[in-house]
């Protein structure tokens, strides 16, 4: 009986974590002026992500003439309600 209660607690925590992640409540994005000031040229995407969190959107497109591709990461703060 004790094992069943422990399993139920684990399943409940897992379900709650998945729900919160789906709602974006676990997002680590911290789009503040102080964090934006930490971002500078020549940073890798991983370095920027460690400061600002996951981007809101990203778009990969070819680079004309030069060749190759470029990825543009977009960060947007939630609009005030």
Protein backbone atom coordinates (compact mmCIF):
# COMPACT_ATOMS: atom_id res chain seq x y z
CA UNK A 1 0.00 0.00 0.00
CA UNK A 2 2.85 2.37 0.86
CA UNK A 3 4.47 1.69 -2.53
CA UNK A 4 1.23 2.57 -4.33
CA UNK A 5 1.01 5.92 -2.52
CA UNK A 6 4.62 6.70 -3.42
CA UNK A 7 4.02 5.80 -7.07
CA UNK A 8 0.91 8.00 -7.12
CA UNK A 9 2.98 10.92 -5.77
CA UNK A 10 5.63 10.37 -8.43
CA UNK A 11 3.02 10.20 -11.23
CA UNK A 12 1.31 13.33 -9.90
CA UNK A 13 4.61 15.26 -9.83
CA UNK A 14 5.47 14.09 -13.33
CA UNK A 15 2.04 15.09 -14.67
CA UNK A 16 2.24 18.49 -12.97
CA UNK A 17 5.74 19.09 -14.36
CA UNK A 18 4.63 18.24 -17.90
CA UNK A 19 1.58 20.50 -17.55
CA UNK A 20 3.65 23.44 -16.31
CA UNK A 21 6.25 22.94 -19.03
CA UNK A 22 3.49 22.93 -21.65
CA UNK A 23 2.13 26.19 -20.28
CA UNK A 24 5.54 27.80 -20.38
CA UNK A 25 5.67 28.24 -16.61
CA UNK A 26 9.07 26.56 -16.47
CA UNK A 27 10.55 28.85 -19.09
CA UNK A 28 13.91 30.23 -18.10
CA UNK A 29 13.61 33.28 -20.34
CA UNK A 30 14.64 36.39 -18.50
CA UNK A 31 14.21 39.26 -20.93
CA UNK A 32 15.21 42.21 -18.76
CA UNK A 33 17.31 45.22 -19.60
CA UNK A 34 20.02 44.01 -17.24
CA UNK A 35 20.25 40.69 -19.10
CA UNK A 36 20.08 42.37 -22.51
CA UNK A 37 23.06 44.51 -21.47
CA UNK A 38 25.07 41.31 -20.89
CA UNK A 39 24.65 40.23 -24.53
CA UNK A 40 27.36 41.45 -26.90
CA UNK A 41 28.73 40.78 -30.38
CA UNK A 42 30.58 37.53 -31.06
CA UNK A 43 28.69 35.54 -28.40
CA UNK A 44 27.72 32.00 -29.32
CA UNK A 45 24.03 31.06 -29.38
CA UNK A 46 24.65 28.89 -26.30
CA UNK A 47 26.06 31.87 -24.37
CA UNK A 48 23.07 34.03 -25.27
CA UNK A 49 20.69 31.21 -24.37
CA UNK A 50 22.35 30.87 -20.95
CA UNK A 51 21.52 34.53 -20.27
CA UNK A 52 18.14 35.00 -21.97
CA UNK A 53 16.78 31.45 -22.10
CA UNK A 54 15.17 29.83 -25.12
CA UNK A 55 14.25 32.16 -28.00
CA UNK A 56 10.61 32.83 -28.79
CA UNK A 57 11.22 32.01 -32.46
CA UNK A 58 14.05 31.14 -34.81
CA UNK A 59 14.40 31.25 -38.58
CA UNK A 60 17.16 29.73 -40.72
CA UNK A 61 17.69 31.13 -44.21
CA UNK A 62 20.36 31.04 -46.90
CA UNK A 63 22.95 33.81 -47.11
CA UNK A 64 22.85 35.30 -50.62
CA UNK A 65 26.06 35.57 -52.66
CA UNK A 66 28.33 34.29 -49.85
CA UNK A 67 26.51 30.99 -49.39
CA UNK A 68 25.83 29.03 -46.26
CA UNK A 69 22.97 29.72 -43.89
CA UNK A 70 22.22 32.07 -41.05
CA UNK A 71 19.86 31.60 -38.12
CA UNK A 72 17.96 34.52 -36.64
CA UNK A 73 16.76 34.10 -33.06
CA UNK A 74 13.88 36.27 -31.86
CA UNK A 75 13.16 37.06 -28.21
CA UNK A 76 9.89 38.73 -27.25
CA UNK A 77 8.64 39.66 -23.80
CA UNK A 78 5.06 38.93 -22.91
CA UNK A 79 2.90 41.98 -23.65
CA UNK A 80 1.51 43.72 -20.55
CA UNK A 81 -2.00 42.64 -19.63
